[in-house]
N, C-alpha and C. Protein backbone atom coordinates (compact mmCIF):
# COMPACT_ATOMS: atom_id res chain seq x y z
N MET A 1 -79.05 99.33 162.00
CA MET A 1 -78.21 98.12 162.11
C MET A 1 -76.76 98.48 161.81
N THR A 2 -75.87 98.07 162.71
CA THR A 2 -74.46 98.35 162.54
C THR A 2 -73.78 97.20 161.82
N PHE A 3 -73.03 97.53 160.77
CA PHE A 3 -72.35 96.50 160.00
C PHE A 3 -70.93 96.34 160.49
N THR A 4 -70.62 95.18 161.05
CA THR A 4 -69.27 94.81 161.44
C THR A 4 -68.93 93.52 160.70
N THR A 5 -67.73 93.03 160.94
CA THR A 5 -67.34 91.77 160.30
C THR A 5 -68.27 90.64 160.71
N SER A 6 -68.61 90.58 162.00
CA SER A 6 -69.52 89.53 162.47
C SER A 6 -70.91 89.71 161.90
N ALA A 7 -71.34 90.97 161.73
CA ALA A 7 -72.66 91.23 161.17
C ALA A 7 -72.73 90.80 159.72
N LEU A 8 -71.64 90.98 159.00
CA LEU A 8 -71.61 90.56 157.60
C LEU A 8 -71.86 89.06 157.49
N THR A 9 -71.16 88.29 158.30
CA THR A 9 -71.33 86.84 158.23
C THR A 9 -72.68 86.41 158.79
N GLN A 10 -73.24 87.22 159.68
CA GLN A 10 -74.54 86.88 160.26
C GLN A 10 -75.68 87.14 159.29
N TYR A 11 -75.57 88.23 158.53
CA TYR A 11 -76.68 88.65 157.68
C TYR A 11 -76.44 88.40 156.20
N ILE A 12 -75.25 87.94 155.84
CA ILE A 12 -74.95 87.63 154.44
C ILE A 12 -74.37 86.22 154.37
N ASP A 13 -75.04 85.37 153.63
CA ASP A 13 -74.58 84.00 153.46
C ASP A 13 -73.71 83.93 152.20
N PHE A 14 -72.41 84.03 152.39
CA PHE A 14 -71.49 84.05 151.26
C PHE A 14 -71.36 82.67 150.60
N ASN A 15 -71.85 81.64 151.25
CA ASN A 15 -71.82 80.29 150.67
C ASN A 15 -73.04 80.01 149.78
N ASP A 16 -73.95 80.96 149.75
CA ASP A 16 -75.16 80.79 148.96
C ASP A 16 -74.82 80.79 147.46
N LYS A 17 -75.19 79.72 146.77
CA LYS A 17 -74.89 79.60 145.34
C LYS A 17 -75.56 80.69 144.54
N ASN A 18 -76.76 81.11 144.95
CA ASN A 18 -77.45 82.17 144.23
C ASN A 18 -76.67 83.48 144.28
N LEU A 19 -76.14 83.77 145.46
CA LEU A 19 -75.34 84.99 145.60
C LEU A 19 -74.07 84.89 144.77
N GLN A 20 -73.43 83.75 144.79
CA GLN A 20 -72.19 83.57 144.02
C GLN A 20 -72.45 83.70 142.52
N LEU A 21 -73.57 83.14 142.05
CA LEU A 21 -73.90 83.26 140.63
C LEU A 21 -74.20 84.70 140.26
N ALA A 22 -74.89 85.42 141.13
CA ALA A 22 -75.20 86.82 140.85
C ALA A 22 -73.93 87.66 140.75
N LEU A 23 -73.01 87.44 141.68
CA LEU A 23 -71.74 88.18 141.65
C LEU A 23 -70.94 87.84 140.40
N ALA A 24 -70.96 86.57 140.02
CA ALA A 24 -70.24 86.15 138.82
C ALA A 24 -70.82 86.81 137.58
N ALA A 25 -72.14 86.89 137.50
CA ALA A 25 -72.79 87.52 136.36
C ALA A 25 -72.49 89.01 136.30
N ILE A 26 -72.43 89.65 137.46
CA ILE A 26 -72.14 91.08 137.52
C ILE A 26 -70.74 91.36 136.98
N VAL A 27 -69.80 90.48 137.28
CA VAL A 27 -68.43 90.64 136.77
C VAL A 27 -68.36 90.27 135.30
N PHE A 28 -69.04 89.18 134.94
CA PHE A 28 -68.95 88.66 133.58
C PHE A 28 -69.45 89.65 132.54
N ASN A 29 -70.60 90.27 132.78
CA ASN A 29 -71.23 91.08 131.74
C ASN A 29 -70.34 92.20 131.20
N PRO A 30 -69.90 93.15 132.02
CA PRO A 30 -69.07 94.23 131.45
C PRO A 30 -67.72 93.74 130.95
N THR A 31 -67.18 92.68 131.60
CA THR A 31 -65.91 92.13 131.14
C THR A 31 -66.04 91.55 129.74
N ALA A 32 -67.08 90.74 129.56
CA ALA A 32 -67.30 90.10 128.26
C ALA A 32 -67.55 91.13 127.17
N TRP A 33 -68.37 92.13 127.46
CA TRP A 33 -68.71 93.10 126.41
C TRP A 33 -67.50 93.95 126.03
N ASN A 34 -66.65 94.25 127.00
CA ASN A 34 -65.43 94.99 126.67
C ASN A 34 -64.51 94.16 125.79
N ILE A 35 -64.38 92.87 126.09
CA ILE A 35 -63.52 92.00 125.28
C ILE A 35 -64.09 91.85 123.88
N VAL A 36 -65.39 91.58 123.79
CA VAL A 36 -66.04 91.39 122.49
C VAL A 36 -65.96 92.67 121.66
N ALA A 37 -66.23 93.82 122.30
CA ALA A 37 -66.24 95.08 121.56
C ALA A 37 -64.85 95.45 121.06
N ARG A 38 -63.83 95.25 121.87
CA ARG A 38 -62.47 95.56 121.43
C ARG A 38 -62.05 94.64 120.28
N ASN A 39 -62.44 93.38 120.37
CA ASN A 39 -62.15 92.48 119.27
C ASN A 39 -62.87 92.93 118.00
N GLU A 40 -64.09 93.40 118.17
CA GLU A 40 -64.85 93.88 117.01
C GLU A 40 -64.18 95.08 116.37
N TYR A 41 -63.69 95.99 117.19
CA TYR A 41 -63.03 97.18 116.66
C TYR A 41 -61.80 96.79 115.85
N ARG A 42 -61.06 95.79 116.33
CA ARG A 42 -59.81 95.42 115.67
C ARG A 42 -60.02 94.44 114.52
N ASN A 43 -60.94 93.49 114.69
CA ASN A 43 -61.05 92.38 113.73
C ASN A 43 -62.38 92.31 112.98
N LYS A 44 -63.40 93.06 113.44
CA LYS A 44 -64.72 93.07 112.77
C LYS A 44 -65.31 91.66 112.68
N THR A 45 -65.16 90.87 113.73
CA THR A 45 -65.64 89.50 113.72
C THR A 45 -67.15 89.41 113.55
N ILE A 46 -67.89 90.14 114.38
CA ILE A 46 -69.35 90.08 114.31
C ILE A 46 -69.85 90.69 113.01
N THR A 47 -69.23 91.78 112.59
CA THR A 47 -69.64 92.42 111.33
C THR A 47 -69.50 91.46 110.16
N ARG A 48 -68.42 90.69 110.15
CA ARG A 48 -68.23 89.73 109.07
C ARG A 48 -69.28 88.63 109.11
N ILE A 49 -69.67 88.22 110.32
CA ILE A 49 -70.70 87.19 110.45
C ILE A 49 -72.00 87.66 109.81
N PHE A 50 -72.27 88.95 109.91
CA PHE A 50 -73.50 89.52 109.35
C PHE A 50 -73.27 90.13 107.97
N GLY A 51 -72.33 89.57 107.25
CA GLY A 51 -72.11 89.96 105.87
C GLY A 51 -71.60 91.37 105.68
N GLY A 52 -70.88 91.88 106.65
CA GLY A 52 -70.31 93.21 106.55
C GLY A 52 -71.25 94.32 107.00
N ASN A 53 -72.41 93.97 107.53
CA ASN A 53 -73.37 94.99 107.98
C ASN A 53 -73.12 95.30 109.46
N ALA A 54 -72.54 96.45 109.72
CA ALA A 54 -72.19 96.83 111.09
C ALA A 54 -73.43 97.05 111.95
N TYR A 55 -74.51 97.53 111.33
CA TYR A 55 -75.74 97.78 112.09
C TYR A 55 -76.34 96.47 112.59
N TYR A 56 -76.40 95.45 111.73
CA TYR A 56 -76.92 94.16 112.16
C TYR A 56 -76.06 93.58 113.28
N GLY A 57 -74.74 93.76 113.16
CA GLY A 57 -73.84 93.29 114.21
C GLY A 57 -74.09 93.99 115.53
N THR A 58 -74.31 95.30 115.47
CA THR A 58 -74.58 96.06 116.69
C THR A 58 -75.90 95.64 117.32
N TYR A 59 -76.93 95.44 116.49
CA TYR A 59 -78.22 95.01 117.02
C TYR A 59 -78.12 93.63 117.65
N PHE A 60 -77.32 92.76 117.05
CA PHE A 60 -77.12 91.43 117.63
C PHE A 60 -76.45 91.55 119.00
N LEU A 61 -75.39 92.37 119.08
CA LEU A 61 -74.70 92.54 120.36
C LEU A 61 -75.62 93.19 121.38
N ALA A 62 -76.45 94.14 120.93
CA ALA A 62 -77.40 94.79 121.83
C ALA A 62 -78.36 93.77 122.43
N ALA A 63 -78.85 92.85 121.59
CA ALA A 63 -79.75 91.81 122.07
C ALA A 63 -79.05 90.91 123.09
N CYS A 64 -77.78 90.61 122.84
CA CYS A 64 -77.01 89.78 123.78
C CYS A 64 -76.82 90.51 125.11
N ILE A 65 -76.45 91.78 125.05
CA ILE A 65 -76.22 92.56 126.26
C ILE A 65 -77.51 92.69 127.07
N PHE A 66 -78.61 92.99 126.38
CA PHE A 66 -79.89 93.16 127.06
C PHE A 66 -80.33 91.85 127.72
N SER A 67 -80.20 90.75 126.98
CA SER A 67 -80.60 89.44 127.52
C SER A 67 -79.75 89.04 128.71
N ALA A 68 -78.43 89.27 128.61
CA ALA A 68 -77.54 88.95 129.71
C ALA A 68 -77.85 89.81 130.93
N GLY A 69 -78.24 91.06 130.71
CA GLY A 69 -78.62 91.94 131.81
C GLY A 69 -79.88 91.45 132.51
N MET A 70 -80.85 90.99 131.74
CA MET A 70 -82.07 90.45 132.33
C MET A 70 -81.77 89.19 133.14
N PHE A 71 -80.90 88.35 132.60
CA PHE A 71 -80.52 87.12 133.31
C PHE A 71 -79.79 87.46 134.61
N ARG A 72 -78.88 88.44 134.55
CA ARG A 72 -78.17 88.89 135.76
C ARG A 72 -79.16 89.39 136.81
N ASP A 73 -80.15 90.16 136.38
CA ASP A 73 -81.13 90.70 137.32
C ASP A 73 -81.95 89.58 137.96
N SER A 74 -82.27 88.54 137.18
CA SER A 74 -83.02 87.42 137.75
C SER A 74 -82.18 86.67 138.78
N LEU A 75 -80.88 86.55 138.52
CA LEU A 75 -79.99 85.93 139.50
C LEU A 75 -79.90 86.78 140.76
N TYR A 76 -79.88 88.09 140.60
CA TYR A 76 -79.82 89.00 141.75
C TYR A 76 -81.07 88.86 142.61
N ARG A 77 -82.23 88.82 141.98
CA ARG A 77 -83.47 88.67 142.74
C ARG A 77 -83.51 87.32 143.46
N ALA A 78 -83.07 86.28 142.77
CA ALA A 78 -83.03 84.96 143.41
C ALA A 78 -82.10 84.96 144.62
N ALA A 79 -80.98 85.66 144.51
CA ALA A 79 -80.03 85.75 145.62
C ALA A 79 -80.66 86.47 146.80
N LEU A 80 -81.37 87.57 146.54
CA LEU A 80 -81.99 88.32 147.64
C LEU A 80 -83.06 87.50 148.34
N GLN A 81 -83.78 86.69 147.58
CA GLN A 81 -84.84 85.88 148.16
C GLN A 81 -84.30 84.75 149.01
N SER A 82 -83.06 84.35 148.77
CA SER A 82 -82.48 83.25 149.54
C SER A 82 -81.58 83.74 150.68
N GLN A 83 -81.45 85.05 150.80
CA GLN A 83 -80.59 85.64 151.83
C GLN A 83 -81.42 86.10 153.04
N PRO A 84 -80.76 86.24 154.21
CA PRO A 84 -81.47 86.76 155.39
C PRO A 84 -82.00 88.16 155.15
N GLN A 85 -83.12 88.46 155.77
CA GLN A 85 -83.73 89.79 155.66
C GLN A 85 -83.75 90.46 157.02
N VAL A 86 -83.46 91.75 157.00
CA VAL A 86 -83.41 92.55 158.22
C VAL A 86 -84.10 93.88 157.94
N GLU A 87 -84.80 94.41 158.89
CA GLU A 87 -85.45 95.71 158.70
C GLU A 87 -84.36 96.78 158.56
N LEU A 88 -84.28 97.35 157.36
CA LEU A 88 -83.25 98.34 157.07
C LEU A 88 -83.74 99.77 157.23
N LEU A 89 -85.04 99.98 156.96
CA LEU A 89 -85.60 101.32 157.02
C LEU A 89 -86.91 101.29 157.79
N PRO A 90 -87.22 102.39 158.50
CA PRO A 90 -88.52 102.46 159.19
C PRO A 90 -89.63 102.77 158.19
N GLU A 91 -90.85 102.47 158.58
CA GLU A 91 -92.00 102.86 157.77
C GLU A 91 -92.15 104.38 157.81
N PRO A 92 -92.58 105.03 156.74
CA PRO A 92 -92.91 104.48 155.42
C PRO A 92 -91.72 104.48 154.45
N LEU A 93 -90.52 104.80 154.98
CA LEU A 93 -89.35 104.88 154.10
C LEU A 93 -89.02 103.54 153.48
N ASP A 94 -89.41 102.45 154.13
CA ASP A 94 -89.09 101.13 153.59
C ASP A 94 -89.79 100.87 152.26
N ILE A 95 -90.85 101.64 152.00
CA ILE A 95 -91.54 101.55 150.71
C ILE A 95 -91.18 102.72 149.81
N VAL A 96 -91.24 103.91 150.38
CA VAL A 96 -91.08 105.14 149.59
C VAL A 96 -89.69 105.24 148.99
N LEU A 97 -88.64 105.03 149.79
CA LEU A 97 -87.28 105.24 149.31
C LEU A 97 -86.89 104.27 148.20
N PRO A 98 -87.11 102.96 148.35
CA PRO A 98 -86.76 102.07 147.23
C PRO A 98 -87.55 102.35 145.96
N VAL A 99 -88.81 102.71 146.09
CA VAL A 99 -89.61 103.03 144.90
C VAL A 99 -89.05 104.26 144.20
N MET A 100 -88.70 105.27 144.98
CA MET A 100 -88.15 106.49 144.39
C MET A 100 -86.79 106.23 143.76
N LEU A 101 -85.94 105.48 144.44
CA LEU A 101 -84.62 105.16 143.89
C LEU A 101 -84.74 104.39 142.59
N PHE A 102 -85.63 103.40 142.57
CA PHE A 102 -85.79 102.60 141.36
C PHE A 102 -86.33 103.45 140.22
N PHE A 103 -87.29 104.30 140.52
CA PHE A 103 -87.88 105.16 139.49
C PHE A 103 -86.84 106.10 138.90
N VAL A 104 -86.07 106.77 139.76
CA VAL A 104 -85.05 107.71 139.28
C VAL A 104 -83.96 106.96 138.52
N GLY A 105 -83.56 105.80 139.04
CA GLY A 105 -82.53 105.01 138.36
C GLY A 105 -82.96 104.61 136.97
N GLN A 106 -84.21 104.17 136.84
CA GLN A 106 -84.70 103.76 135.52
C GLN A 106 -84.84 104.95 134.58
N ILE A 107 -85.19 106.10 135.14
CA ILE A 107 -85.24 107.32 134.31
C ILE A 107 -83.88 107.60 133.70
N PHE A 108 -82.82 107.48 134.51
CA PHE A 108 -81.47 107.71 134.00
C PHE A 108 -81.11 106.69 132.92
N VAL A 109 -81.45 105.43 133.14
CA VAL A 109 -81.13 104.39 132.16
C VAL A 109 -81.89 104.61 130.86
N ILE A 110 -83.19 104.84 130.98
CA ILE A 110 -84.04 104.97 129.79
C ILE A 110 -83.70 106.22 128.99
N THR A 111 -83.50 107.35 129.68
CA THR A 111 -83.19 108.58 128.96
C THR A 111 -81.79 108.54 128.35
N SER A 112 -80.87 107.81 128.98
CA SER A 112 -79.55 107.62 128.38
C SER A 112 -79.67 106.88 127.06
N THR A 113 -80.46 105.81 127.07
CA THR A 113 -80.67 105.03 125.85
C THR A 113 -81.36 105.86 124.79
N TRP A 114 -82.34 106.64 125.20
CA TRP A 114 -83.06 107.51 124.25
C TRP A 114 -82.12 108.53 123.63
N SER A 115 -81.25 109.10 124.45
CA SER A 115 -80.32 110.13 123.97
C SER A 115 -79.27 109.55 123.03
N LEU A 116 -78.76 108.37 123.36
CA LEU A 116 -77.68 107.77 122.58
C LEU A 116 -78.19 106.95 121.40
N GLY A 117 -79.41 106.43 121.50
CA GLY A 117 -79.90 105.51 120.49
C GLY A 117 -79.35 104.12 120.72
N ILE A 118 -79.85 103.15 119.97
CA ILE A 118 -79.42 101.77 120.16
C ILE A 118 -77.94 101.61 119.87
N THR A 119 -77.48 102.17 118.75
CA THR A 119 -76.08 101.99 118.39
C THR A 119 -75.15 102.74 119.33
N GLY A 120 -75.58 103.89 119.83
CA GLY A 120 -74.75 104.64 120.76
C GLY A 120 -74.70 103.99 122.13
N THR A 121 -75.79 103.35 122.52
CA THR A 121 -75.86 102.71 123.83
C THR A 121 -75.10 101.40 123.85
N PHE A 122 -75.25 100.61 122.79
CA PHE A 122 -74.73 99.24 122.79
C PHE A 122 -73.49 99.10 121.92
N LEU A 123 -72.52 100.01 122.18
CA LEU A 123 -71.16 99.85 121.67
C LEU A 123 -71.05 99.92 120.15
N GLY A 124 -71.95 100.66 119.53
CA GLY A 124 -71.85 100.83 118.08
C GLY A 124 -70.57 101.51 117.65
N ASP A 125 -69.97 102.30 118.55
CA ASP A 125 -68.70 102.96 118.23
C ASP A 125 -67.64 101.94 117.82
N TYR A 126 -67.66 100.78 118.47
CA TYR A 126 -66.66 99.76 118.20
C TYR A 126 -66.90 99.08 116.85
N PHE A 127 -68.11 99.24 116.32
CA PHE A 127 -68.44 98.70 115.00
C PHE A 127 -68.19 99.73 113.89
N GLY A 128 -67.71 100.91 114.29
CA GLY A 128 -67.48 101.97 113.32
C GLY A 128 -68.67 102.88 113.12
N ILE A 129 -69.72 102.72 113.93
CA ILE A 129 -70.90 103.58 113.85
C ILE A 129 -70.73 104.68 114.88
N LEU A 130 -70.16 105.79 114.45
CA LEU A 130 -69.83 106.86 115.39
C LEU A 130 -70.88 107.96 115.36
N MET A 131 -71.08 108.57 116.51
CA MET A 131 -71.96 109.74 116.60
C MET A 131 -71.20 110.97 116.11
N ASP A 132 -71.94 112.06 115.98
CA ASP A 132 -71.29 113.29 115.51
C ASP A 132 -70.18 113.73 116.44
N HIS A 133 -70.38 113.47 117.71
CA HIS A 133 -69.35 113.80 118.70
C HIS A 133 -69.48 112.84 119.86
N ARG A 134 -68.44 112.75 120.63
CA ARG A 134 -68.40 111.86 121.79
C ARG A 134 -69.32 112.42 122.86
N VAL A 135 -70.37 111.69 123.23
CA VAL A 135 -71.29 112.13 124.27
C VAL A 135 -70.66 111.87 125.62
N GLU A 136 -70.53 112.95 126.39
CA GLU A 136 -69.88 112.83 127.69
C GLU A 136 -70.64 113.63 128.71
N GLY A 137 -70.37 113.36 129.98
CA GLY A 137 -71.10 113.99 131.05
C GLY A 137 -70.49 115.29 131.53
N GLN A 138 -71.04 115.78 132.64
CA GLN A 138 -70.72 117.12 133.09
C GLN A 138 -69.29 117.25 133.63
N LEU A 139 -68.65 116.13 133.96
CA LEU A 139 -67.31 116.21 134.53
C LEU A 139 -66.21 116.04 133.50
N THR A 140 -66.59 115.93 132.22
CA THR A 140 -65.60 115.73 131.19
C THR A 140 -65.33 117.02 130.43
N LEU A 141 -64.34 116.97 129.57
CA LEU A 141 -63.90 118.18 128.88
C LEU A 141 -64.98 118.73 127.95
N PHE A 142 -65.58 117.84 127.16
CA PHE A 142 -66.59 118.28 126.21
C PHE A 142 -67.96 117.92 126.77
N ARG A 143 -68.57 118.84 127.45
CA ARG A 143 -69.81 118.57 128.15
C ARG A 143 -70.97 118.47 127.19
N ASP A 144 -71.83 117.45 127.43
CA ASP A 144 -73.05 117.29 126.66
C ASP A 144 -74.19 117.89 127.47
N HIS A 145 -75.00 118.76 126.87
CA HIS A 145 -76.02 119.50 127.61
C HIS A 145 -77.37 118.81 127.58
N ARG A 146 -77.45 117.60 127.05
CA ARG A 146 -78.70 116.86 127.04
C ARG A 146 -78.85 116.06 128.32
N PHE A 147 -80.09 116.02 128.84
CA PHE A 147 -80.37 115.16 129.98
C PHE A 147 -80.27 113.70 129.53
N PRO A 148 -79.70 112.84 130.33
CA PRO A 148 -79.21 113.02 131.70
C PRO A 148 -77.72 113.31 131.80
N PHE A 149 -77.07 113.55 130.65
CA PHE A 149 -75.62 113.74 130.66
C PHE A 149 -75.22 115.10 131.22
N ASN A 150 -76.20 115.99 131.38
CA ASN A 150 -75.91 117.27 132.02
C ASN A 150 -76.04 117.18 133.54
N VAL A 151 -76.44 116.00 134.02
CA VAL A 151 -76.61 115.78 135.46
C VAL A 151 -75.56 114.83 136.01
N LEU A 152 -75.31 113.75 135.27
CA LEU A 152 -74.37 112.73 135.70
C LEU A 152 -73.36 112.44 134.60
N ARG A 153 -72.19 112.02 134.99
CA ARG A 153 -71.17 111.68 134.00
C ARG A 153 -71.48 110.35 133.32
N ASP A 154 -71.92 109.38 134.10
CA ASP A 154 -72.22 108.04 133.56
C ASP A 154 -73.62 107.63 134.02
N PRO A 155 -74.65 108.27 133.47
CA PRO A 155 -76.01 108.06 133.98
C PRO A 155 -76.53 106.64 133.83
N MET A 156 -76.07 105.91 132.81
CA MET A 156 -76.57 104.55 132.66
C MET A 156 -76.04 103.65 133.76
N TYR A 157 -74.76 103.73 134.04
CA TYR A 157 -74.18 102.94 135.12
C TYR A 157 -74.72 103.39 136.48
N ASP A 158 -74.82 104.71 136.67
CA ASP A 158 -75.32 105.22 137.94
C ASP A 158 -76.78 104.83 138.15
N GLY A 159 -77.57 104.90 137.08
CA GLY A 159 -78.97 104.50 137.18
C GLY A 159 -79.12 103.03 137.49
N SER A 160 -78.29 102.20 136.89
CA SER A 160 -78.31 100.77 137.17
C SER A 160 -77.95 100.49 138.62
N THR A 161 -76.94 101.19 139.12
CA THR A 161 -76.53 101.01 140.52
C THR A 161 -77.65 101.41 141.46
N MET A 162 -78.35 102.50 141.14
CA MET A 162 -79.48 102.93 141.96
C MET A 162 -80.58 101.88 141.98
N SER A 163 -80.79 101.21 140.86
CA SER A 163 -81.81 100.17 140.79
C SER A 163 -81.43 98.96 141.65
N PHE A 164 -80.14 98.62 141.65
CA PHE A 164 -79.67 97.54 142.52
C PHE A 164 -79.91 97.91 143.98
N LEU A 165 -79.60 99.15 144.35
CA LEU A 165 -79.80 99.60 145.73
C LEU A 165 -81.27 99.59 146.10
N ALA A 166 -82.12 100.06 145.19
CA ALA A 166 -83.56 100.08 145.44
C ALA A 166 -84.09 98.68 145.70
N THR A 167 -83.63 97.72 144.89
CA THR A 167 -84.09 96.34 145.05
C THR A 167 -83.62 95.76 146.38
N ALA A 168 -82.39 96.09 146.78
CA ALA A 168 -81.87 95.62 148.07
C ALA A 168 -82.72 96.15 149.22
N LEU A 169 -83.07 97.43 149.16
CA LEU A 169 -83.89 98.03 150.21
C LEU A 169 -85.30 97.45 150.21
N TRP A 170 -85.83 97.18 149.02
CA TRP A 170 -87.18 96.63 148.92
C TRP A 170 -87.25 95.26 149.58
N TYR A 171 -86.19 94.46 149.40
CA TYR A 171 -86.15 93.12 149.98
C TYR A 171 -85.58 93.11 151.40
N ASN A 172 -85.25 94.28 151.96
CA ASN A 172 -84.65 94.36 153.29
C ASN A 172 -83.45 93.42 153.39
N SER A 173 -82.56 93.54 152.41
CA SER A 173 -81.48 92.57 152.28
C SER A 173 -80.11 93.21 152.49
N PRO A 174 -79.42 92.88 153.59
CA PRO A 174 -78.03 93.31 153.74
C PRO A 174 -77.15 92.79 152.61
N ALA A 175 -77.44 91.57 152.14
CA ALA A 175 -76.68 91.04 151.01
C ALA A 175 -76.86 91.91 149.78
N GLY A 176 -78.05 92.46 149.61
CA GLY A 176 -78.30 93.35 148.47
C GLY A 176 -77.48 94.61 148.56
N LEU A 177 -77.29 95.13 149.78
CA LEU A 177 -76.44 96.30 149.95
C LEU A 177 -74.99 95.97 149.58
N PHE A 178 -74.55 94.79 149.98
CA PHE A 178 -73.20 94.34 149.62
C PHE A 178 -73.07 94.21 148.11
N VAL A 179 -74.06 93.61 147.47
CA VAL A 179 -74.02 93.45 146.01
C VAL A 179 -74.02 94.81 145.32
N THR A 180 -74.79 95.76 145.84
CA THR A 180 -74.82 97.10 145.25
C THR A 180 -73.44 97.75 145.28
N LEU A 181 -72.76 97.63 146.41
CA LEU A 181 -71.39 98.15 146.50
C LEU A 181 -70.48 97.43 145.51
N PHE A 182 -70.66 96.14 145.39
CA PHE A 182 -69.87 95.34 144.44
C PHE A 182 -70.13 95.80 143.01
N VAL A 183 -71.39 96.05 142.69
CA VAL A 183 -71.76 96.54 141.35
C VAL A 183 -71.08 97.87 141.07
N TYR A 184 -71.12 98.77 142.04
CA TYR A 184 -70.50 100.09 141.86
C TYR A 184 -69.00 99.96 141.57
N ILE A 185 -68.32 99.10 142.32
CA ILE A 185 -66.88 98.91 142.11
C ILE A 185 -66.60 98.33 140.73
N VAL A 186 -67.38 97.32 140.33
CA VAL A 186 -67.20 96.69 139.02
C VAL A 186 -67.42 97.72 137.91
N TYR A 187 -68.45 98.53 138.05
CA TYR A 187 -68.72 99.55 137.03
C TYR A 187 -67.59 100.57 136.93
N GLN A 188 -67.04 100.98 138.07
CA GLN A 188 -65.94 101.94 138.06
C GLN A 188 -64.71 101.36 137.37
N ILE A 189 -64.45 100.08 137.60
CA ILE A 189 -63.33 99.42 136.92
C ILE A 189 -63.59 99.35 135.42
N ALA A 190 -64.82 98.98 135.05
CA ALA A 190 -65.17 98.88 133.63
C ALA A 190 -64.99 100.23 132.93
N LEU A 191 -65.38 101.30 133.60
CA LEU A 191 -65.27 102.63 132.99
C LEU A 191 -63.81 103.03 132.75
N ARG A 192 -62.91 102.54 133.56
CA ARG A 192 -61.50 102.84 133.37
C ARG A 192 -60.97 102.22 132.08
N PHE A 193 -61.63 101.18 131.60
CA PHE A 193 -61.24 100.56 130.34
C PHE A 193 -62.06 101.13 129.17
N GLU A 194 -63.36 101.30 129.39
CA GLU A 194 -64.24 101.76 128.32
C GLU A 194 -63.94 103.19 127.90
N GLY A 195 -63.81 104.08 128.88
CA GLY A 195 -63.66 105.50 128.58
C GLY A 195 -62.47 105.82 127.69
N PRO A 196 -61.26 105.45 128.09
CA PRO A 196 -60.09 105.75 127.27
C PRO A 196 -60.15 105.11 125.88
N PHE A 197 -60.68 103.89 125.80
CA PHE A 197 -60.73 103.23 124.50
C PHE A 197 -61.71 103.94 123.56
N THR A 198 -62.85 104.33 124.10
CA THR A 198 -63.81 105.07 123.27
C THR A 198 -63.25 106.43 122.87
N ASP A 199 -62.54 107.08 123.78
CA ASP A 199 -61.88 108.34 123.44
C ASP A 199 -60.91 108.14 122.28
N MET A 200 -60.18 107.02 122.32
CA MET A 200 -59.22 106.72 121.26
C MET A 200 -59.92 106.55 119.91
N ILE A 201 -61.09 105.91 119.92
CA ILE A 201 -61.85 105.71 118.68
C ILE A 201 -62.22 107.05 118.06
N TYR A 202 -62.72 107.96 118.87
CA TYR A 202 -63.12 109.26 118.34
C TYR A 202 -61.93 110.13 117.98
N SER A 203 -60.83 109.97 118.72
CA SER A 203 -59.61 110.71 118.37
C SER A 203 -59.08 110.25 117.03
N ASN A 204 -59.13 108.94 116.79
CA ASN A 204 -58.68 108.43 115.48
C ASN A 204 -59.56 108.94 114.37
N ARG A 205 -60.86 109.02 114.60
CA ARG A 205 -61.76 109.54 113.57
C ARG A 205 -61.46 111.01 113.29
N ALA A 206 -61.16 111.77 114.34
CA ALA A 206 -60.84 113.19 114.16
C ALA A 206 -59.53 113.35 113.39
N SER A 207 -58.54 112.50 113.68
CA SER A 207 -57.26 112.56 112.96
C SER A 207 -57.43 112.22 111.49
N GLN A 208 -58.28 111.23 111.20
CA GLN A 208 -58.53 110.84 109.82
C GLN A 208 -59.21 111.95 109.04
N LYS A 209 -60.10 112.69 109.72
CA LYS A 209 -60.78 113.81 109.05
C LYS A 209 -59.78 114.91 108.69
N LYS A 210 -58.82 115.14 109.59
CA LYS A 210 -57.81 116.17 109.32
C LYS A 210 -56.94 115.79 108.15
N ASP A 211 -56.62 114.48 108.06
CA ASP A 211 -55.78 114.01 106.98
C ASP A 211 -56.54 114.06 105.64
């Protein structure tokens, strides 16, 4: 299927409320967490709510992030079910490829969480819970040799994007392909804010140790 401007309007219903809600949730989640986390780093708002316990604050934020992610995924599935469907792949690739993409994507997400731990995954750095060193991927200065960071620079975001793509292919949804591209762009923008700020946190910790 060739995607042109007319094909987009033919196979993607941009007036669909489900699609609009899914796109809004995709933008809201990383935006909100970046704002909340930066505020936490500067003002310790959540930590104070939990009586000064940074770990409880991080676990609370982790629960919020996880719940919001599940809600976003439910909106995405609802959007795909209400959108036109077109045969995107021939048999048996229409089954095999989305299953493989989803499996690999989830492996990246799960192993990232395992490697970083709850506090490392869910912005514990902003609560003052720092790891021994900044975990970074293969394209950064200080390479981490643990899987999946020895394979991808941002395996959690990349794995999530792969899962969006897998779901789009499973539902034979051109709208899902559009949403996947949208997710990738949003994640890249989010990383431009998250990366430098997290680097600054660890740089400040290193400077304090020297002093």
